[in-house]
PDB file of N, CA and C in Angstrom:
ATOM      1  N   MET A   1     110.445 102.595 111.616  1.00  0.00           N
ATOM      2  CA  MET A   1     109.574 103.487 110.895  1.00  0.00           C
ATOM      3  C   MET A   1     108.108 103.212 111.229  1.00  0.00           C
ATOM      4  N   LYS A   2     107.772 101.927 111.375  1.00  0.00           N
ATOM      5  CA  LYS A   2     106.388 101.591 111.697  1.00  0.00           C
ATOM      6  C   LYS A   2     105.996 102.119 113.062  1.00  0.00           C
ATOM      7  N   GLU A   3     106.891 101.966 114.037  1.00  0.00           N
ATOM      8  CA  GLU A   3     106.586 102.431 115.389  1.00  0.00           C
ATOM      9  C   GLU A   3     106.392 103.931 115.429  1.00  0.00           C
ATOM     10  N   ALA A   4     107.150 104.661 114.617  1.00  0.00           N
ATOM     11  CA  ALA A   4     107.047 106.118 114.582  1.00  0.00           C
ATOM     12  C   ALA A   4     105.955 106.589 113.627  1.00  0.00           C
ATOM     13  N   ASP A   5     105.273 105.632 112.969  1.00  0.00           N
ATOM     14  CA  ASP A   5     104.234 105.931 111.985  1.00  0.00           C
ATOM     15  C   ASP A   5     104.758 106.837 110.877  1.00  0.00           C
ATOM     16  N   VAL A   6     105.996 106.528 110.434  1.00  0.00           N
ATOM     17  CA  VAL A   6     106.612 107.262 109.329  1.00  0.00           C
ATOM     18  C   VAL A   6     106.448 106.430 108.068  1.00  0.00           C
ATOM     19  N   LYS A   7     105.902 107.034 107.031  1.00  0.00           N
ATOM     20  CA  LYS A   7     105.672 106.341 105.770  1.00  0.00           C
ATOM     21  C   LYS A   7     106.918 106.454 104.886  1.00  0.00           C
ATOM     22  N   PRO A   8     107.354 105.341 104.283  1.00  0.00           N
ATOM     23  CA  PRO A   8     108.507 105.413 103.383  1.00  0.00           C
ATOM     24  C   PRO A   8     108.134 106.173 102.108  1.00  0.00           C
ATOM     25  N   ASP A   9     109.129 106.781 101.484  1.00  0.00           N
ATOM     26  CA  ASP A   9     108.927 107.476 100.226  1.00  0.00           C
ATOM     27  C   ASP A   9     109.958 106.976  99.216  1.00  0.00           C
ATOM     28  N   SER A  10     110.020 107.590  98.052  1.00  0.00           N
ATOM     29  CA  SER A  10     110.947 107.132  97.021  1.00  0.00           C
ATOM     30  C   SER A  10     112.400 107.265  97.479  1.00  0.00           C
ATOM     31  N   HIS A  11     112.681 108.261  98.279  1.00  0.00           N
ATOM     32  CA  HIS A  11     114.034 108.455  98.809  1.00  0.00           C
ATOM     33  C   HIS A  11     114.420 107.275  99.716  1.00  0.00           C
ATOM     34  N   THR A  12     113.505 106.851 100.554  1.00  0.00           N
ATOM     35  CA  THR A  12     113.734 105.707 101.437  1.00  0.00           C
ATOM     36  C   THR A  12     114.039 104.461 100.621  1.00  0.00           C
ATOM     37  N   PHE A  13     113.205 104.200  99.605  1.00  0.00           N
ATOM     38  CA  PHE A  13     113.393 103.000  98.799  1.00  0.00           C
ATOM     39  C   PHE A  13     114.657 103.074  97.956  1.00  0.00           C
ATOM     40  N   SER A  14     115.040 104.246  97.490  1.00  0.00           N
ATOM     41  CA  SER A  14     116.288 104.333  96.716  1.00  0.00           C
ATOM     42  C   SER A  14     117.476 103.967  97.596  1.00  0.00           C
ATOM     43  N   HIS A  15     117.457 104.362  98.858  1.00  0.00           N
ATOM     44  CA  HIS A  15     118.533 103.974  99.777  1.00  0.00           C
ATOM     45  C   HIS A  15     118.507 102.473 100.060  1.00  0.00           C
ATOM     46  N   LEU A  16     117.322 101.928 100.282  1.00  0.00           N
ATOM     47  CA  LEU A  16     117.210 100.490 100.533  1.00  0.00           C
ATOM     48  C   LEU A  16     117.717  99.688  99.338  1.00  0.00           C
ATOM     49  N   ILE A  17     117.315 100.077  98.140  1.00  0.00           N
ATOM     50  CA  ILE A  17     117.724  99.363  96.926  1.00  0.00           C
ATOM     51  C   ILE A  17     119.222  99.475  96.713  1.00  0.00           C
ATOM     52  N   THR A  18     119.775 100.659  96.910  1.00  0.00           N
ATOM     53  CA  THR A  18     121.220 100.867  96.720  1.00  0.00           C
ATOM     54  C   THR A  18     122.033  99.944  97.613  1.00  0.00           C
ATOM     55  N   ASN A  19     121.528  99.653  98.801  1.00  0.00           N
ATOM     56  CA  ASN A  19     122.291  98.860  99.766  1.00  0.00           C
ATOM     57  C   ASN A  19     121.966  97.371  99.749  1.00  0.00           C
ATOM     58  N   CYS A  20     121.267  96.915  98.712  1.00  0.00           N
ATOM     59  CA  CYS A  20     120.945  95.494  98.596  1.00  0.00           C
ATOM     60  C   CYS A  20     122.183  94.681  98.213  1.00  0.00           C
ATOM     61  N   ASN A  21     122.202  93.446  98.699  1.00  0.00           N
ATOM     62  CA  ASN A  21     123.315  92.542  98.392  1.00  0.00           C
ATOM     63  C   ASN A  21     122.938  91.444  97.410  1.00  0.00           C
ATOM     64  N   SER A  22     121.667  91.411  96.996  1.00  0.00           N
ATOM     65  CA  SER A  22     121.246  90.359  96.074  1.00  0.00           C
ATOM     66  C   SER A  22     120.137  90.881  95.159  1.00  0.00           C
ATOM     67  N   GLU A  23     120.006  90.220  94.029  1.00  0.00           N
ATOM     68  CA  GLU A  23     118.955  90.573  93.081  1.00  0.00           C
ATOM     69  C   GLU A  23     117.580  90.366  93.704  1.00  0.00           C
ATOM     70  N   GLU A  24     117.444  89.343  94.525  1.00  0.00           N
ATOM     71  CA  GLU A  24     116.167  89.067  95.173  1.00  0.00           C
ATOM     72  C   GLU A  24     115.751  90.224  96.084  1.00  0.00           C
ATOM     73  N   ASP A  25     116.706  90.767  96.828  1.00  0.00           N
ATOM     74  CA  ASP A  25     116.398  91.902  97.707  1.00  0.00           C
ATOM     75  C   ASP A  25     116.015  93.135  96.896  1.00  0.00           C
ATOM     76  N   ILE A  26     116.729  93.369  95.801  1.00  0.00           N
ATOM     77  CA  ILE A  26     116.414  94.510  94.927  1.00  0.00           C
ATOM     78  C   ILE A  26     114.974  94.396  94.461  1.00  0.00           C
ATOM     79  N   ASN A  27     114.634  93.219  93.941  1.00  0.00           N
ATOM     80  CA  ASN A  27     113.276  93.000  93.431  1.00  0.00           C
ATOM     81  C   ASN A  27     112.228  93.133  94.531  1.00  0.00           C
ATOM     82  N   MET A  28     112.553  92.637  95.723  1.00  0.00           N
ATOM     83  CA  MET A  28     111.621  92.713  96.835  1.00  0.00           C
ATOM     84  C   MET A  28     111.293  94.169  97.180  1.00  0.00           C
ATOM     85  N   TYR A  29     112.324  95.004  97.326  1.00  0.00           N
ATOM     86  CA  TYR A  29     112.083  96.408  97.670  1.00  0.00           C
ATOM     87  C   TYR A  29     111.380  97.154  96.547  1.00  0.00           C
ATOM     88  N   TYR A  30     111.750  96.849  95.301  1.00  0.00           N
ATOM     89  CA  TYR A  30     111.098  97.513  94.169  1.00  0.00           C
ATOM     90  C   TYR A  30     109.612  97.163  94.117  1.00  0.00           C
ATOM     91  N   GLU A  31     109.291  95.891  94.303  1.00  0.00           N
ATOM     92  CA  GLU A  31     107.893  95.470  94.293  1.00  0.00           C
ATOM     93  C   GLU A  31     107.123  96.075  95.465  1.00  0.00           C
ATOM     94  N   GLU A  32     107.762  96.124  96.626  1.00  0.00           N
ATOM     95  CA  GLU A  32     107.111  96.732  97.796  1.00  0.00           C
ATOM     96  C   GLU A  32     106.821  98.208  97.547  1.00  0.00           C
ATOM     97  N   MET A  33     107.760  98.891  96.903  1.00  0.00           N
ATOM     98  CA  MET A  33     107.583 100.301  96.586  1.00  0.00           C
ATOM     99  C   MET A  33     106.398 100.482  95.641  1.00  0.00           C
ATOM    100  N   LYS A  34     106.304  99.644  94.617  1.00  0.00           N
ATOM    101  CA  LYS A  34     105.190  99.744  93.675  1.00  0.00           C
ATOM    102  C   LYS A  34     103.856  99.445  94.357  1.00  0.00           C
ATOM    103  N   ARG A  35     103.836  98.435  95.223  1.00  0.00           N
ATOM    104  CA  ARG A  35     102.598  98.100  95.954  1.00  0.00           C
ATOM    105  C   ARG A  35     102.152  99.250  96.843  1.00  0.00           C
ATOM    106  N   SER A  36     103.112  99.997  97.357  1.00  0.00           N
ATOM    107  CA  SER A  36     102.800 101.133  98.234  1.00  0.00           C
ATOM    108  C   SER A  36     102.279 102.330  97.460  1.00  0.00           C
ATOM    109  N   GLY A  37     102.356 102.260  96.128  1.00  0.00           N
ATOM    110  CA  GLY A  37     101.876 103.364  95.307  1.00  0.00           C
ATOM    111  C   GLY A  37     102.855 104.515  95.196  1.00  0.00           C
ATOM    112  N   ILE A  38     104.106 104.254  95.515  1.00  0.00           N
ATOM    113  CA  ILE A  38     105.122 105.309  95.472  1.00  0.00           C
ATOM    114  C   ILE A  38     105.646 105.450  94.047  1.00  0.00           C
ATOM    115  N   GLN A  39     105.726 106.684  93.594  1.00  0.00           N
ATOM    116  CA  GLN A  39     106.192 107.002  92.248  1.00  0.00           C
ATOM    117  C   GLN A  39     107.671 106.637  92.082  1.00  0.00           C
ATOM    118  N   VAL A  40     107.995 106.018  90.956  1.00  0.00           N
ATOM    119  CA  VAL A  40     109.386 105.702  90.644  1.00  0.00           C
ATOM    120  C   VAL A  40     110.041 106.975  90.131  1.00  0.00           C
ATOM    121  N   THR A  41     111.108 107.391  90.798  1.00  0.00           N
ATOM    122  CA  THR A  41     111.802 108.623  90.435  1.00  0.00           C
ATOM    123  C   THR A  41     113.130 108.311  89.759  1.00  0.00           C
ATOM    124  N   LYS A  42     113.769 109.358  89.263  1.00  0.00           N
ATOM    125  CA  LYS A  42     115.097 109.209  88.652  1.00  0.00           C
ATOM    126  C   LYS A  42     116.069 108.591  89.657  1.00  0.00           C
ATOM    127  N   GLN A  43     115.985 108.984  90.910  1.00  0.00           N
ATOM    128  CA  GLN A  43     116.867 108.453  91.942  1.00  0.00           C
ATOM    129  C   GLN A  43     116.646 106.955  92.152  1.00  0.00           C
ATOM    130  N   VAL A  44     115.403 106.510  92.065  1.00  0.00           N
ATOM    131  CA  VAL A  44     115.109 105.082  92.200  1.00  0.00           C
ATOM    132  C   VAL A  44     115.697 104.327  91.012  1.00  0.00           C
ATOM    133  N   PHE A  45     115.531 104.871  89.809  1.00  0.00           N
ATOM    134  CA  PHE A  45     116.127 104.229  88.636  1.00  0.00           C
ATOM    135  C   PHE A  45     117.643 104.112  88.791  1.00  0.00           C
ATOM    136  N   MET A  46     118.278 105.178  89.255  1.00  0.00           N
ATOM    137  CA  MET A  46     119.737 105.143  89.426  1.00  0.00           C
ATOM    138  C   MET A  46     120.131 104.152  90.514  1.00  0.00           C
ATOM    139  N   ALA A  47     119.332 104.061  91.562  1.00  0.00           N
ATOM    140  CA  ALA A  47     119.594 103.073  92.615  1.00  0.00           C
ATOM    141  C   ALA A  47     119.505 101.665  92.044  1.00  0.00           C
ATOM    142  N   LEU A  48     118.509 101.428  91.185  1.00  0.00           N
ATOM    143  CA  LEU A  48     118.366 100.123  90.553  1.00  0.00           C
ATOM    144  C   LEU A  48     119.583  99.796  89.690  1.00  0.00           C
ATOM    145  N   VAL A  49     120.020 100.752  88.890  1.00  0.00           N
ATOM    146  CA  VAL A  49     121.196 100.546  88.034  1.00  0.00           C
ATOM    147  C   VAL A  49     122.404 100.194  88.889  1.00  0.00           C
ATOM    148  N   ASN A  50     122.658 100.983  89.916  1.00  0.00           N
ATOM    149  CA  ASN A  50     123.833 100.756  90.772  1.00  0.00           C
ATOM    150  C   ASN A  50     123.741  99.436  91.526  1.00  0.00           C
ATOM    151  N   ALA A  51     122.569  99.114  92.027  1.00  0.00           N
ATOM    152  CA  ALA A  51     122.400  97.875  92.789  1.00  0.00           C
ATOM    153  C   ALA A  51     122.566  96.650  91.894  1.00  0.00           C
ATOM    154  N   TYR A  52     121.953  96.683  90.711  1.00  0.00           N
ATOM    155  CA  TYR A  52     122.117  95.551  89.791  1.00  0.00           C
ATOM    156  C   TYR A  52     123.581  95.388  89.383  1.00  0.00           C
ATOM    157  N   ALA A  53     124.249  96.483  89.095  1.00  0.00           N
ATOM    158  CA  ALA A  53     125.667  96.401  88.714  1.00  0.00           C
ATOM    159  C   ALA A  53     126.509  95.853  89.861  1.00  0.00           C
ATOM    160  N   ALA A  54     126.228  96.284  91.072  1.00  0.00           N
ATOM    161  CA  ALA A  54     126.988  95.797  92.235  1.00  0.00           C
ATOM    162  C   ALA A  54     126.787  94.309  92.462  1.00  0.00           C
ATOM    163  N   CYS A  55     125.629  93.796  92.044  1.00  0.00           N
ATOM    164  CA  CYS A  55     125.340  92.362  92.185  1.00  0.00           C
ATOM    165  C   CYS A  55     125.821  91.556  90.981  1.00  0.00           C
ATOM    166  N   GLY A  56     126.445  92.226  90.029  1.00  0.00           N
ATOM    167  CA  GLY A  56     126.938  91.540  88.845  1.00  0.00           C
ATOM    168  C   GLY A  56     125.894  91.333  87.768  1.00  0.00           C
ATOM    169  N   GLN A  57     124.728  91.938  87.931  1.00  0.00           N
ATOM    170  CA  GLN A  57     123.642  91.818  86.955  1.00  0.00           C
ATOM    171  C   GLN A  57     123.730  92.982  85.956  1.00  0.00           C
ATOM    172  N   PHE A  58     124.780  92.949  85.142  1.00  0.00           N
ATOM    173  CA  PHE A  58     125.060  94.075  84.252  1.00  0.00           C
ATOM    174  C   PHE A  58     124.016  94.241  83.153  1.00  0.00           C
ATOM    175  N   GLU A  59     123.446  93.146  82.678  1.00  0.00           N
ATOM    176  CA  GLU A  59     122.414  93.239  81.641  1.00  0.00           C
ATOM    177  C   GLU A  59     121.168  93.920  82.198  1.00  0.00           C
ATOM    178  N   LYS A  60     120.789  93.594  83.417  1.00  0.00           N
ATOM    179  CA  LYS A  60     119.629  94.253  84.039  1.00  0.00           C
ATOM    180  C   LYS A  60     119.922  95.728  84.288  1.00  0.00           C
ATOM    181  N   ALA A  61     121.142  96.036  84.719  1.00  0.00           N
ATOM    182  CA  ALA A  61     121.529  97.441  84.925  1.00  0.00           C
ATOM    183  C   ALA A  61     121.429  98.204  83.604  1.00  0.00           C
ATOM    184  N   LYS A  62     121.867  97.570  82.538  1.00  0.00           N
ATOM    185  CA  LYS A  62     121.799  98.195  81.215  1.00  0.00           C
ATOM    186  C   LYS A  62     120.350  98.420  80.796  1.00  0.00           C
ATOM    187  N   GLN A  63     119.488  97.438  81.022  1.00  0.00           N
ATOM    188  CA  GLN A  63     118.077  97.569  80.663  1.00  0.00           C
ATOM    189  C   GLN A  63     117.412  98.717  81.405  1.00  0.00           C
ATOM    190  N   VAL A  64     117.709  98.841  82.694  1.00  0.00           N
ATOM    191  CA  VAL A  64     117.133  99.942  83.478  1.00  0.00           C
ATOM    192  C   VAL A  64     117.666 101.274  82.971  1.00  0.00           C
ATOM    193  N   SER A  65     118.960 101.332  82.635  1.00  0.00           N
ATOM    194  CA  SER A  65     119.550 102.563  82.101  1.00  0.00           C
ATOM    195  C   SER A  65     118.877 102.981  80.807  1.00  0.00           C
ATOM    196  N   LEU A  66     118.646 102.006  79.931  1.00  0.00           N
ATOM    197  CA  LEU A  66     117.990 102.313  78.652  1.00  0.00           C
ATOM    198  C   LEU A  66     116.559 102.768  78.871  1.00  0.00           C
ATOM    199  N   LEU A  67     115.863 102.178  79.806  1.00  0.00           N
ATOM    200  CA  LEU A  67     114.509 102.591  80.120  1.00  0.00           C
ATOM    201  C   LEU A  67     114.495 104.020  80.661  1.00  0.00           C
ATOM    202  N   LEU A  68     115.416 104.318  81.541  1.00  0.00           N
ATOM    203  CA  LEU A  68     115.511 105.678  82.094  1.00  0.00           C
ATOM    204  C   LEU A  68     115.799 106.688  80.992  1.00  0.00           C
ATOM    205  N   ALA A  69     116.726 106.358  80.097  1.00  0.00           N
ATOM    206  CA  ALA A  69     117.057 107.262  78.992  1.00  0.00           C
ATOM    207  C   ALA A  69     115.839 107.496  78.103  1.00  0.00           C
ATOM    208  N   THR A  70     115.060 106.461  77.873  1.00  0.00           N
ATOM    209  CA  THR A  70     113.856 106.575  77.058  1.00  0.00           C
ATOM    210  C   THR A  70     112.834 107.502  77.716  1.00  0.00           C
ATOM    211  N   LEU A  71     112.706 107.381  79.022  1.00  0.00           N
ATOM    212  CA  LEU A  71     111.727 108.205  79.741  1.00  0.00           C
ATOM    213  C   LEU A  71     112.145 109.669  79.829  1.00  0.00           C
ATOM    214  N   LEU A  72     113.440 109.907  79.869  1.00  0.00           N
ATOM    215  CA  LEU A  72     113.937 111.272  80.010  1.00  0.00           C
ATOM    216  C   LEU A  72     113.928 112.044  78.701  1.00  0.00           C
ATOM    217  N   TYR A  73     113.990 111.339  77.595  1.00  0.00           N
ATOM    218  CA  TYR A  73     114.082 112.032  76.297  1.00  0.00           C
ATOM    219  C   TYR A  73     112.961 111.738  75.377  1.00  0.00           C
TER     220      TYR A  73
END
């Protein structure tokens, strides 16, 4: 992406987060996304929920789900 001068967007980060194998990687991509100034979208929240659950971090997945529900309603 850097060589092609393509800037990542929320869609890019949601895919990266979904495919993480560890909580550390999830946090790394999420922090990088925030530093880049990219808006957190519903898809990013869902990627976080799915990634945390896949890593066995069910409490974190639940917290993100509750936060998303709060923002939507």
